[in-house]
């Protein structure tokens, strides 16, 4: 059965700050694997890797170097996507006040990317949320994991704030976390992309 996409809402922010606090035992929210009915399984790790390649293809087209895939950043991204799925909302700062910098600290991730003039970036994040089962407002829909990854990438590219993160040549690595969950009878997809 073909899944359809209802809407994509994306919010982005570039953030920088010091990290140092490490919290133990980050929690997770269970996720699910969904099938399109054929050999194309919509599993989170597959879509994460497809989106990683889409982003690197776009960076190459913009004459910006490839981003390495960082499993530790992906763990932070998975955690945040699961938080958003549990709350049914997208955000950079959680209802409890946890920021992207806090999440890097929670996982003990030390990001220190030189910007020049003795300045450093310590974190970067894009977030997105999409729904299946209905058409997009423009009439499009995604029927495979590849189309989903391409669609998410295109939405990020179309947003000036997200695109700024995507093509920033200071970043050397990214991690992507996707959480797929049922909400009110619909299939929701939450996406976090973290940079270092």
N, C-alpha and C. Protein backbone atom coordinates (compact mmCIF):
# COMPACT_ATOMS: atom_id res chain seq x y z
N UNK A 1 0.85 -1.18 0.00
CA UNK A 1 0.00 0.00 0.00
C UNK A 1 0.89 1.23 0.00
N UNK A 2 0.62 2.18 -0.89
CA UNK A 2 1.43 3.40 -0.99
C UNK A 2 1.07 4.32 0.15
N UNK A 3 2.08 4.84 0.78
CA UNK A 3 1.88 5.83 1.85
C UNK A 3 1.94 7.23 1.25
N UNK A 4 1.15 8.13 1.75
CA UNK A 4 1.13 9.50 1.24
C UNK A 4 1.57 10.45 2.32
N UNK A 5 2.11 11.55 1.91
CA UNK A 5 2.64 12.54 2.83
C UNK A 5 1.68 13.72 2.95
N UNK A 6 1.33 14.10 4.16
CA UNK A 6 0.40 15.20 4.40
C UNK A 6 1.09 16.55 4.37
N UNK A 7 2.10 16.73 5.17
CA UNK A 7 2.76 18.03 5.21
C UNK A 7 4.14 17.90 5.80
N UNK A 8 4.95 18.85 5.50
CA UNK A 8 6.29 18.89 6.08
C UNK A 8 6.46 20.24 6.74
N UNK A 9 6.82 20.20 8.00
CA UNK A 9 7.05 21.43 8.74
C UNK A 9 8.49 21.38 9.21
N UNK A 10 9.23 22.38 8.89
CA UNK A 10 10.64 22.34 9.22
C UNK A 10 11.05 23.64 9.92
N UNK A 11 11.82 23.49 10.95
CA UNK A 11 12.36 24.64 11.67
C UNK A 11 13.85 24.42 11.85
N UNK A 12 14.64 25.45 11.69
CA UNK A 12 16.09 25.28 11.82
C UNK A 12 16.68 26.37 12.68
N UNK A 13 17.83 26.08 13.23
CA UNK A 13 18.55 27.08 14.00
C UNK A 13 20.03 26.74 13.96
N UNK A 14 20.85 27.76 13.88
CA UNK A 14 22.28 27.60 14.06
C UNK A 14 22.57 28.00 15.49
N UNK A 15 23.26 27.15 16.22
CA UNK A 15 23.54 27.47 17.60
C UNK A 15 25.01 27.23 17.90
N UNK A 16 25.53 27.99 18.82
CA UNK A 16 26.90 27.79 19.27
C UNK A 16 26.96 28.12 20.74
N UNK A 17 27.74 27.34 21.48
CA UNK A 17 27.91 27.59 22.90
C UNK A 17 28.85 26.55 23.48
N UNK A 18 29.24 26.74 24.70
CA UNK A 18 30.17 25.81 25.34
C UNK A 18 29.45 24.57 25.83
N UNK A 19 30.15 23.45 25.83
CA UNK A 19 29.61 22.21 26.36
C UNK A 19 30.52 21.72 27.47
N UNK A 20 29.95 21.02 28.43
CA UNK A 20 30.79 20.51 29.49
C UNK A 20 30.09 19.57 30.44
N UNK A 21 28.80 19.70 30.62
CA UNK A 21 28.02 18.87 31.52
C UNK A 21 27.63 17.58 30.82
N UNK A 22 27.75 16.45 31.50
CA UNK A 22 27.35 15.16 30.94
C UNK A 22 26.30 14.54 31.84
N UNK A 23 25.13 14.24 31.28
CA UNK A 23 24.07 13.57 32.02
C UNK A 23 24.05 12.10 31.63
N UNK A 24 23.72 11.26 32.56
CA UNK A 24 23.71 9.81 32.31
C UNK A 24 22.33 9.33 31.92
N UNK A 25 22.29 8.15 31.32
CA UNK A 25 21.07 7.42 31.00
C UNK A 25 20.04 8.20 30.20
N UNK A 26 20.41 8.71 29.00
CA UNK A 26 19.39 9.34 28.18
C UNK A 26 18.31 8.34 27.81
N UNK A 27 17.06 8.77 27.81
CA UNK A 27 15.95 7.88 27.50
C UNK A 27 15.65 7.85 26.02
N UNK A 28 14.86 6.86 25.62
CA UNK A 28 14.44 6.78 24.22
C UNK A 28 12.96 6.42 24.18
N UNK A 29 12.37 6.69 23.06
CA UNK A 29 10.98 6.33 22.81
C UNK A 29 10.98 5.22 21.78
N UNK A 30 10.20 4.16 21.96
CA UNK A 30 10.18 3.10 20.97
C UNK A 30 9.77 3.63 19.60
N UNK A 31 10.34 3.07 18.57
CA UNK A 31 9.98 3.45 17.21
C UNK A 31 9.46 2.22 16.50
N UNK A 32 9.08 2.41 15.24
CA UNK A 32 8.48 1.29 14.52
C UNK A 32 8.99 1.23 13.09
N UNK A 33 8.99 0.06 12.50
CA UNK A 33 9.29 -0.11 11.09
C UNK A 33 7.97 -0.28 10.35
N UNK A 34 7.83 0.43 9.23
CA UNK A 34 6.62 0.34 8.43
C UNK A 34 7.01 -0.14 7.05
N UNK A 35 6.14 -0.86 6.39
CA UNK A 35 6.42 -1.38 5.07
C UNK A 35 5.53 -0.70 4.05
N UNK A 36 6.09 -0.43 2.87
CA UNK A 36 5.30 0.11 1.78
C UNK A 36 4.58 -1.01 1.03
N UNK A 37 4.77 -2.25 1.45
CA UNK A 37 4.05 -3.34 0.82
C UNK A 37 4.91 -4.15 -0.15
N UNK A 38 6.12 -3.75 -0.38
CA UNK A 38 7.00 -4.49 -1.28
C UNK A 38 8.34 -4.70 -0.61
N UNK A 39 9.39 -4.63 -1.43
CA UNK A 39 10.73 -4.79 -0.89
C UNK A 39 11.24 -3.51 -0.23
N UNK A 40 10.52 -2.40 -0.43
CA UNK A 40 10.95 -1.11 0.10
C UNK A 40 10.42 -0.93 1.52
N UNK A 41 11.23 -1.26 2.51
CA UNK A 41 10.85 -1.08 3.90
C UNK A 41 11.16 0.33 4.32
N UNK A 42 10.23 0.94 5.03
CA UNK A 42 10.46 2.27 5.59
C UNK A 42 10.99 2.06 7.00
N UNK A 43 12.28 1.78 7.10
CA UNK A 43 12.86 1.70 8.43
C UNK A 43 13.72 2.94 8.65
N UNK A 44 13.82 3.32 9.89
CA UNK A 44 14.45 4.59 10.24
C UNK A 44 15.90 4.68 9.79
N UNK A 45 16.69 3.63 10.06
CA UNK A 45 18.10 3.67 9.70
C UNK A 45 18.30 3.80 8.19
N UNK A 46 17.47 3.13 7.41
CA UNK A 46 17.57 3.23 5.96
C UNK A 46 17.31 4.66 5.50
N UNK A 47 16.24 5.28 6.00
CA UNK A 47 15.91 6.64 5.60
C UNK A 47 17.00 7.61 6.08
N UNK A 48 17.56 7.38 7.28
CA UNK A 48 18.65 8.22 7.77
C UNK A 48 19.83 8.19 6.81
N UNK A 49 20.22 7.00 6.36
CA UNK A 49 21.36 6.89 5.45
C UNK A 49 21.05 7.49 4.08
N UNK A 50 19.83 7.29 3.60
CA UNK A 50 19.44 7.89 2.33
C UNK A 50 19.46 9.41 2.41
N UNK A 51 18.98 9.95 3.52
CA UNK A 51 18.98 11.41 3.70
C UNK A 51 20.42 11.92 3.81
N UNK A 52 21.28 11.20 4.49
CA UNK A 52 22.70 11.56 4.58
C UNK A 52 23.30 11.71 3.18
N UNK A 53 23.02 10.75 2.31
CA UNK A 53 23.56 10.80 0.95
C UNK A 53 22.94 11.96 0.15
N UNK A 54 21.64 12.21 0.33
CA UNK A 54 21.00 13.34 -0.34
C UNK A 54 21.66 14.66 0.05
N UNK A 55 21.94 14.81 1.35
CA UNK A 55 22.57 16.04 1.82
C UNK A 55 23.97 16.18 1.23
N UNK A 56 24.73 15.09 1.20
CA UNK A 56 26.08 15.16 0.63
C UNK A 56 26.05 15.42 -0.87
N UNK A 57 25.06 14.88 -1.58
CA UNK A 57 24.93 15.18 -3.01
C UNK A 57 24.67 16.67 -3.21
N UNK A 58 23.80 17.23 -2.38
CA UNK A 58 23.51 18.66 -2.48
C UNK A 58 24.75 19.48 -2.17
N UNK A 59 25.48 19.11 -1.11
CA UNK A 59 26.71 19.84 -0.77
C UNK A 59 27.71 19.78 -1.93
N UNK A 60 27.84 18.63 -2.56
CA UNK A 60 28.76 18.50 -3.69
C UNK A 60 28.35 19.43 -4.82
N UNK A 61 27.05 19.52 -5.09
CA UNK A 61 26.54 20.42 -6.13
C UNK A 61 26.78 21.88 -5.79
N UNK A 62 26.97 22.17 -4.51
CA UNK A 62 27.24 23.54 -4.06
C UNK A 62 28.74 23.76 -3.82
N UNK A 63 29.57 22.80 -4.26
CA UNK A 63 31.03 22.86 -4.11
C UNK A 63 31.46 22.94 -2.64
N UNK A 64 30.75 22.20 -1.79
CA UNK A 64 31.07 22.11 -0.36
C UNK A 64 31.42 20.65 -0.09
N UNK A 65 32.42 20.41 0.78
CA UNK A 65 32.88 19.06 1.07
C UNK A 65 31.82 18.18 1.71
N UNK A 66 32.03 16.87 1.56
CA UNK A 66 31.13 15.87 2.15
C UNK A 66 31.16 15.94 3.67
N UNK A 67 30.04 15.59 4.27
CA UNK A 67 29.96 15.41 5.72
C UNK A 67 30.14 13.93 6.03
N UNK A 68 31.00 13.63 6.97
CA UNK A 68 31.13 12.26 7.46
C UNK A 68 29.88 11.93 8.28
N UNK A 69 29.49 10.66 8.29
CA UNK A 69 28.38 10.25 9.14
C UNK A 69 28.92 9.88 10.50
N UNK A 70 28.42 10.54 11.53
CA UNK A 70 28.92 10.37 12.89
C UNK A 70 27.85 9.65 13.72
N UNK A 71 28.12 8.42 14.10
CA UNK A 71 27.15 7.63 14.86
C UNK A 71 26.83 8.24 16.22
N UNK A 72 27.79 8.93 16.83
CA UNK A 72 27.53 9.58 18.10
C UNK A 72 26.57 10.76 17.94
N UNK A 73 26.74 11.54 16.87
CA UNK A 73 25.78 12.61 16.57
C UNK A 73 24.41 12.02 16.24
N UNK A 74 24.40 10.90 15.55
CA UNK A 74 23.13 10.24 15.22
C UNK A 74 22.40 9.79 16.49
N UNK A 75 23.15 9.35 17.49
CA UNK A 75 22.53 8.95 18.75
C UNK A 75 21.84 10.15 19.42
N UNK A 76 22.49 11.31 19.38
CA UNK A 76 21.88 12.53 19.91
C UNK A 76 20.63 12.88 19.11
N UNK A 77 20.73 12.79 17.79
CA UNK A 77 19.61 13.10 16.91
C UNK A 77 18.45 12.14 17.14
N UNK A 78 18.74 10.83 17.29
CA UNK A 78 17.70 9.85 17.57
C UNK A 78 16.97 10.18 18.87
N UNK A 79 17.75 10.53 19.88
CA UNK A 79 17.18 10.88 21.18
C UNK A 79 16.21 12.06 21.04
N UNK A 80 16.64 13.10 20.32
CA UNK A 80 15.79 14.29 20.19
C UNK A 80 14.55 14.00 19.35
N UNK A 81 14.70 13.25 18.27
CA UNK A 81 13.52 12.89 17.46
C UNK A 81 12.53 12.09 18.28
N UNK A 82 13.02 11.19 19.13
CA UNK A 82 12.13 10.41 20.00
C UNK A 82 11.42 11.31 21.01
N UNK A 83 12.15 12.31 21.55
CA UNK A 83 11.52 13.27 22.46
C UNK A 83 10.38 14.01 21.76
N UNK A 84 10.66 14.50 20.56
CA UNK A 84 9.64 15.25 19.82
C UNK A 84 8.45 14.36 19.50
N UNK A 85 8.71 13.11 19.12
CA UNK A 85 7.62 12.18 18.83
C UNK A 85 6.75 11.94 20.06
N UNK A 86 7.41 11.79 21.20
CA UNK A 86 6.66 11.58 22.44
C UNK A 86 5.79 12.78 22.77
N UNK A 87 6.31 13.99 22.51
CA UNK A 87 5.57 15.21 22.80
C UNK A 87 4.60 15.60 21.68
N UNK A 88 4.77 14.99 20.49
CA UNK A 88 3.91 15.33 19.36
C UNK A 88 4.13 16.74 18.86
N UNK A 89 5.37 17.21 18.91
CA UNK A 89 5.70 18.58 18.53
C UNK A 89 7.15 18.63 18.07
N UNK A 90 7.51 19.68 17.32
CA UNK A 90 8.92 19.85 16.95
C UNK A 90 9.45 21.11 17.60
N UNK A 91 10.71 21.04 18.00
CA UNK A 91 11.32 22.17 18.70
C UNK A 91 12.83 21.94 18.81
N UNK A 92 13.53 23.04 19.10
CA UNK A 92 14.95 22.95 19.42
C UNK A 92 15.14 22.95 20.93
N UNK A 93 14.29 23.67 21.64
CA UNK A 93 14.33 23.69 23.09
C UNK A 93 13.10 22.95 23.60
N UNK A 94 13.30 21.87 24.34
CA UNK A 94 12.20 21.02 24.80
C UNK A 94 11.33 21.76 25.81
N UNK A 95 10.13 21.26 26.05
CA UNK A 95 9.26 21.87 27.07
C UNK A 95 9.94 21.95 28.44
N UNK A 96 10.87 21.03 28.71
CA UNK A 96 11.58 21.06 30.00
C UNK A 96 12.76 22.03 29.98
N UNK A 97 13.03 22.65 28.84
CA UNK A 97 14.11 23.62 28.73
C UNK A 97 15.41 23.07 28.18
N UNK A 98 15.44 21.79 27.78
CA UNK A 98 16.66 21.20 27.25
C UNK A 98 16.95 21.75 25.85
N UNK A 99 18.17 22.27 25.66
CA UNK A 99 18.60 22.84 24.38
C UNK A 99 19.47 21.85 23.61
N UNK A 100 19.81 22.21 22.39
CA UNK A 100 20.72 21.36 21.61
C UNK A 100 22.06 21.22 22.33
N UNK A 101 22.54 22.31 22.92
CA UNK A 101 23.80 22.23 23.67
C UNK A 101 23.68 21.26 24.83
N UNK A 102 22.52 21.29 25.51
CA UNK A 102 22.28 20.36 26.62
C UNK A 102 22.32 18.91 26.13
N UNK A 103 21.76 18.66 24.94
CA UNK A 103 21.75 17.29 24.42
C UNK A 103 23.16 16.82 24.09
N UNK A 104 23.98 17.69 23.51
CA UNK A 104 25.37 17.32 23.24
C UNK A 104 26.05 16.99 24.57
N UNK A 105 25.81 17.80 25.59
CA UNK A 105 26.40 17.55 26.91
C UNK A 105 25.89 16.25 27.51
N UNK A 106 24.58 16.00 27.39
CA UNK A 106 23.97 14.79 27.94
C UNK A 106 24.67 13.54 27.43
N UNK A 107 25.05 13.58 26.16
CA UNK A 107 25.70 12.42 25.55
C UNK A 107 27.22 12.50 25.59
N UNK A 108 27.76 13.53 26.24
CA UNK A 108 29.20 13.67 26.35
C UNK A 108 29.88 13.95 25.02
N UNK A 109 29.17 14.61 24.12
CA UNK A 109 29.72 14.89 22.80
C UNK A 109 30.39 16.25 22.81
N UNK A 110 31.68 16.28 22.54
CA UNK A 110 32.45 17.51 22.55
C UNK A 110 32.69 17.95 21.11
N UNK A 111 31.96 18.95 20.68
CA UNK A 111 32.10 19.52 19.34
C UNK A 111 32.79 20.87 19.49
N UNK A 112 33.87 21.02 18.76
CA UNK A 112 34.61 22.29 18.79
C UNK A 112 35.18 22.51 17.39
N UNK A 113 34.39 23.17 16.54
CA UNK A 113 34.76 23.37 15.15
C UNK A 113 35.23 24.82 14.97
N UNK A 114 36.49 25.02 14.56
CA UNK A 114 37.00 26.39 14.40
C UNK A 114 36.25 27.16 13.32
N UNK A 115 35.88 28.41 13.66
CA UNK A 115 35.25 29.32 12.71
C UNK A 115 36.24 30.36 12.21
N UNK A 116 37.36 30.50 12.89
CA UNK A 116 38.31 31.56 12.59
C UNK A 116 38.26 32.61 13.68
N UNK A 117 39.29 33.44 13.74
CA UNK A 117 39.38 34.50 14.75
C UNK A 117 39.26 33.96 16.16
N UNK A 118 39.71 32.72 16.39
CA UNK A 118 39.66 32.13 17.72
C UNK A 118 38.27 31.72 18.18
N UNK A 119 37.28 31.74 17.29
CA UNK A 119 35.91 31.36 17.63
C UNK A 119 35.64 29.93 17.19
N UNK A 120 34.71 29.27 17.91
CA UNK A 120 34.36 27.87 17.64
C UNK A 120 32.85 27.70 17.61
N UNK A 121 32.40 26.74 16.83
CA UNK A 121 31.01 26.27 16.89
C UNK A 121 31.01 25.02 17.73
N UNK A 122 29.98 24.87 18.55
CA UNK A 122 29.91 23.69 19.41
C UNK A 122 28.68 22.83 19.15
N UNK A 123 27.78 23.28 18.27
CA UNK A 123 26.62 22.45 17.92
C UNK A 123 25.87 23.12 16.78
N UNK A 124 25.09 22.32 16.08
CA UNK A 124 24.20 22.79 15.03
C UNK A 124 23.09 21.78 14.85
N UNK A 125 21.88 22.26 14.53
CA UNK A 125 20.74 21.35 14.47
C UNK A 125 19.68 21.84 13.48
N UNK A 126 19.14 20.92 12.71
CA UNK A 126 17.91 21.11 11.93
C UNK A 126 16.89 20.11 12.45
N UNK A 127 15.62 20.50 12.50
CA UNK A 127 14.55 19.56 12.86
C UNK A 127 13.43 19.65 11.85
N UNK A 128 12.70 18.56 11.69
CA UNK A 128 11.59 18.50 10.75
C UNK A 128 10.57 17.49 11.23
N UNK A 129 9.34 17.61 10.71
CA UNK A 129 8.29 16.64 11.00
C UNK A 129 7.42 16.49 9.76
N UNK A 130 7.04 15.26 9.45
CA UNK A 130 6.19 15.00 8.29
C UNK A 130 5.18 13.92 8.62
N UNK A 131 4.11 13.85 7.84
CA UNK A 131 3.03 12.87 8.04
C UNK A 131 2.86 12.05 6.78
N UNK A 132 2.41 10.81 6.95
CA UNK A 132 2.03 9.95 5.83
C UNK A 132 0.51 9.85 5.75
N UNK A 133 0.03 9.27 4.69
CA UNK A 133 -1.36 8.88 4.47
C UNK A 133 -2.20 9.93 3.76
N UNK A 134 -1.71 11.13 3.57
CA UNK A 134 -2.43 12.15 2.83
C UNK A 134 -1.47 12.84 1.88
N UNK A 135 -2.03 13.48 0.86
CA UNK A 135 -1.21 14.20 -0.09
C UNK A 135 -0.67 15.48 0.51
N UNK A 136 0.47 15.92 -0.02
CA UNK A 136 0.98 17.24 0.31
C UNK A 136 0.03 18.29 -0.26
N UNK A 137 0.12 19.48 0.23
CA UNK A 137 -0.75 20.54 -0.28
C UNK A 137 -0.52 20.80 -1.76
N UNK A 138 0.67 20.48 -2.29
CA UNK A 138 0.93 20.67 -3.72
C UNK A 138 0.53 19.45 -4.55
N UNK A 139 -0.05 18.42 -3.93
CA UNK A 139 -0.50 17.25 -4.66
C UNK A 139 0.51 16.12 -4.73
N UNK A 140 1.75 16.36 -4.31
CA UNK A 140 2.77 15.32 -4.33
C UNK A 140 2.59 14.35 -3.17
N UNK A 141 3.19 13.17 -3.30
CA UNK A 141 3.29 12.24 -2.19
C UNK A 141 4.51 11.35 -2.43
N UNK A 142 5.00 10.74 -1.36
CA UNK A 142 6.18 9.89 -1.44
C UNK A 142 5.75 8.44 -1.29
N UNK A 143 6.25 7.59 -2.18
CA UNK A 143 5.83 6.19 -2.16
C UNK A 143 6.95 5.22 -1.87
N UNK A 144 8.17 5.72 -1.68
CA UNK A 144 9.31 4.85 -1.36
C UNK A 144 10.19 5.56 -0.32
N UNK A 145 11.06 4.81 0.36
CA UNK A 145 12.01 5.45 1.28
C UNK A 145 12.90 6.46 0.57
N UNK A 146 13.30 6.17 -0.67
CA UNK A 146 14.13 7.09 -1.44
C UNK A 146 13.41 8.40 -1.69
N UNK A 147 12.13 8.31 -2.07
CA UNK A 147 11.35 9.53 -2.29
C UNK A 147 11.18 10.32 -0.99
N UNK A 148 11.00 9.63 0.12
CA UNK A 148 10.88 10.29 1.41
C UNK A 148 12.16 11.06 1.73
N UNK A 149 13.32 10.41 1.59
CA UNK A 149 14.59 11.07 1.86
C UNK A 149 14.80 12.26 0.93
N UNK A 150 14.49 12.09 -0.34
CA UNK A 150 14.61 13.20 -1.30
C UNK A 150 13.68 14.35 -0.91
N UNK A 151 12.47 14.02 -0.49
CA UNK A 151 11.50 15.05 -0.11
C UNK A 151 11.93 15.82 1.12
N UNK A 152 12.44 15.12 2.14
CA UNK A 152 12.92 15.80 3.34
C UNK A 152 14.10 16.70 2.97
N UNK A 153 15.03 16.17 2.19
CA UNK A 153 16.19 16.97 1.77
C UNK A 153 15.74 18.22 1.04
N UNK A 154 14.78 18.08 0.13
CA UNK A 154 14.32 19.23 -0.65
C UNK A 154 13.65 20.27 0.24
N UNK A 155 12.89 19.82 1.23
CA UNK A 155 12.28 20.77 2.17
C UNK A 155 13.36 21.53 2.94
N UNK A 156 14.41 20.85 3.37
CA UNK A 156 15.51 21.51 4.06
C UNK A 156 16.20 22.51 3.15
N UNK A 157 16.43 22.11 1.91
CA UNK A 157 17.08 22.98 0.94
C UNK A 157 16.24 24.21 0.64
N UNK A 158 14.93 24.05 0.60
CA UNK A 158 14.03 25.16 0.29
C UNK A 158 13.89 26.17 1.42
N UNK A 159 14.33 25.82 2.61
CA UNK A 159 14.26 26.72 3.76
C UNK A 159 15.61 27.42 3.92
N UNK A 160 15.64 28.76 3.82
CA UNK A 160 16.93 29.46 3.90
C UNK A 160 17.73 29.13 5.17
N UNK A 161 17.07 29.03 6.32
CA UNK A 161 17.78 28.75 7.56
C UNK A 161 18.38 27.34 7.55
N UNK A 162 17.61 26.37 7.06
CA UNK A 162 18.11 25.00 6.97
C UNK A 162 19.25 24.92 5.96
N UNK A 163 19.03 25.54 4.81
CA UNK A 163 20.04 25.50 3.76
C UNK A 163 21.36 26.08 4.27
N UNK A 164 21.29 27.14 5.08
CA UNK A 164 22.51 27.72 5.64
C UNK A 164 23.31 26.69 6.44
N UNK A 165 22.61 25.89 7.23
CA UNK A 165 23.28 24.80 7.96
C UNK A 165 23.81 23.74 6.99
N UNK A 166 23.01 23.39 5.99
CA UNK A 166 23.37 22.31 5.07
C UNK A 166 24.65 22.59 4.29
N UNK A 167 24.86 23.85 3.91
CA UNK A 167 26.01 24.16 3.05
C UNK A 167 27.12 24.90 3.80
N UNK A 168 27.00 25.01 5.11
CA UNK A 168 28.04 25.68 5.89
C UNK A 168 29.31 24.84 5.83
N UNK A 169 30.39 25.43 5.29
CA UNK A 169 31.61 24.65 5.10
C UNK A 169 32.40 24.45 6.39
N UNK A 170 31.93 25.00 7.50
CA UNK A 170 32.59 24.76 8.78
C UNK A 170 32.30 23.34 9.30
N UNK A 171 31.12 22.80 8.97
CA UNK A 171 30.74 21.48 9.47
C UNK A 171 31.55 20.39 8.79
N UNK A 172 31.92 19.37 9.56
CA UNK A 172 32.67 18.23 9.03
C UNK A 172 31.90 16.91 9.16
N UNK A 173 30.87 16.89 10.03
CA UNK A 173 30.14 15.64 10.27
C UNK A 173 28.68 15.95 10.56
N UNK A 174 27.84 14.95 10.32
CA UNK A 174 26.44 15.04 10.67
C UNK A 174 25.96 13.69 11.20
N UNK A 175 24.90 13.74 11.98
CA UNK A 175 24.19 12.55 12.42
C UNK A 175 22.71 12.83 12.26
N UNK A 176 21.97 11.86 11.79
CA UNK A 176 20.54 12.03 11.52
C UNK A 176 19.76 11.03 12.34
N UNK A 177 18.69 11.50 12.98
CA UNK A 177 17.81 10.64 13.75
C UNK A 177 16.39 10.77 13.25
N UNK A 178 15.79 9.65 12.88
CA UNK A 178 14.41 9.64 12.41
C UNK A 178 13.60 8.74 13.32
N UNK A 179 12.45 9.24 13.76
CA UNK A 179 11.53 8.47 14.59
C UNK A 179 10.20 8.38 13.87
N UNK A 180 9.73 7.17 13.65
CA UNK A 180 8.46 6.93 12.96
C UNK A 180 7.49 6.38 13.99
N UNK A 181 6.34 7.01 14.13
CA UNK A 181 5.40 6.62 15.17
C UNK A 181 3.97 6.87 14.72
N UNK A 182 3.04 6.14 15.30
CA UNK A 182 1.62 6.37 15.03
C UNK A 182 1.09 7.42 16.00
N UNK A 183 0.41 8.42 15.45
CA UNK A 183 -0.21 9.46 16.27
C UNK A 183 -1.60 9.75 15.75
N UNK A 184 -2.58 9.53 16.59
CA UNK A 184 -3.98 9.80 16.24
C UNK A 184 -4.38 9.17 14.91
N UNK A 185 -3.95 7.93 14.70
CA UNK A 185 -4.32 7.20 13.49
C UNK A 185 -3.49 7.54 12.27
N UNK A 186 -2.51 8.41 12.40
CA UNK A 186 -1.63 8.78 11.29
C UNK A 186 -0.20 8.37 11.60
N UNK A 187 0.59 8.28 10.57
CA UNK A 187 2.00 7.92 10.74
C UNK A 187 2.83 9.18 10.68
N UNK A 188 3.48 9.51 11.78
CA UNK A 188 4.30 10.71 11.88
C UNK A 188 5.77 10.35 11.77
N UNK A 189 6.54 11.21 11.13
CA UNK A 189 7.98 11.05 10.99
C UNK A 189 8.64 12.30 11.55
N UNK A 190 9.47 12.11 12.55
CA UNK A 190 10.21 13.22 13.18
C UNK A 190 11.68 13.09 12.79
N UNK A 191 12.29 14.21 12.42
CA UNK A 191 13.66 14.21 11.91
C UNK A 191 14.50 15.23 12.69
N UNK A 192 15.68 14.78 13.13
CA UNK A 192 16.69 15.68 13.69
C UNK A 192 17.98 15.45 12.95
N UNK A 193 18.65 16.53 12.59
CA UNK A 193 19.95 16.48 11.94
C UNK A 193 20.90 17.31 12.79
N UNK A 194 21.93 16.68 13.34
CA UNK A 194 22.92 17.37 14.15
C UNK A 194 24.24 17.47 13.41
N UNK A 195 24.95 18.56 13.65
CA UNK A 195 26.20 18.85 12.96
C UNK A 195 27.35 19.04 13.93
N UNK A 196 28.55 18.78 13.45
CA UNK A 196 29.77 19.16 14.15
C UNK A 196 30.87 19.31 13.10
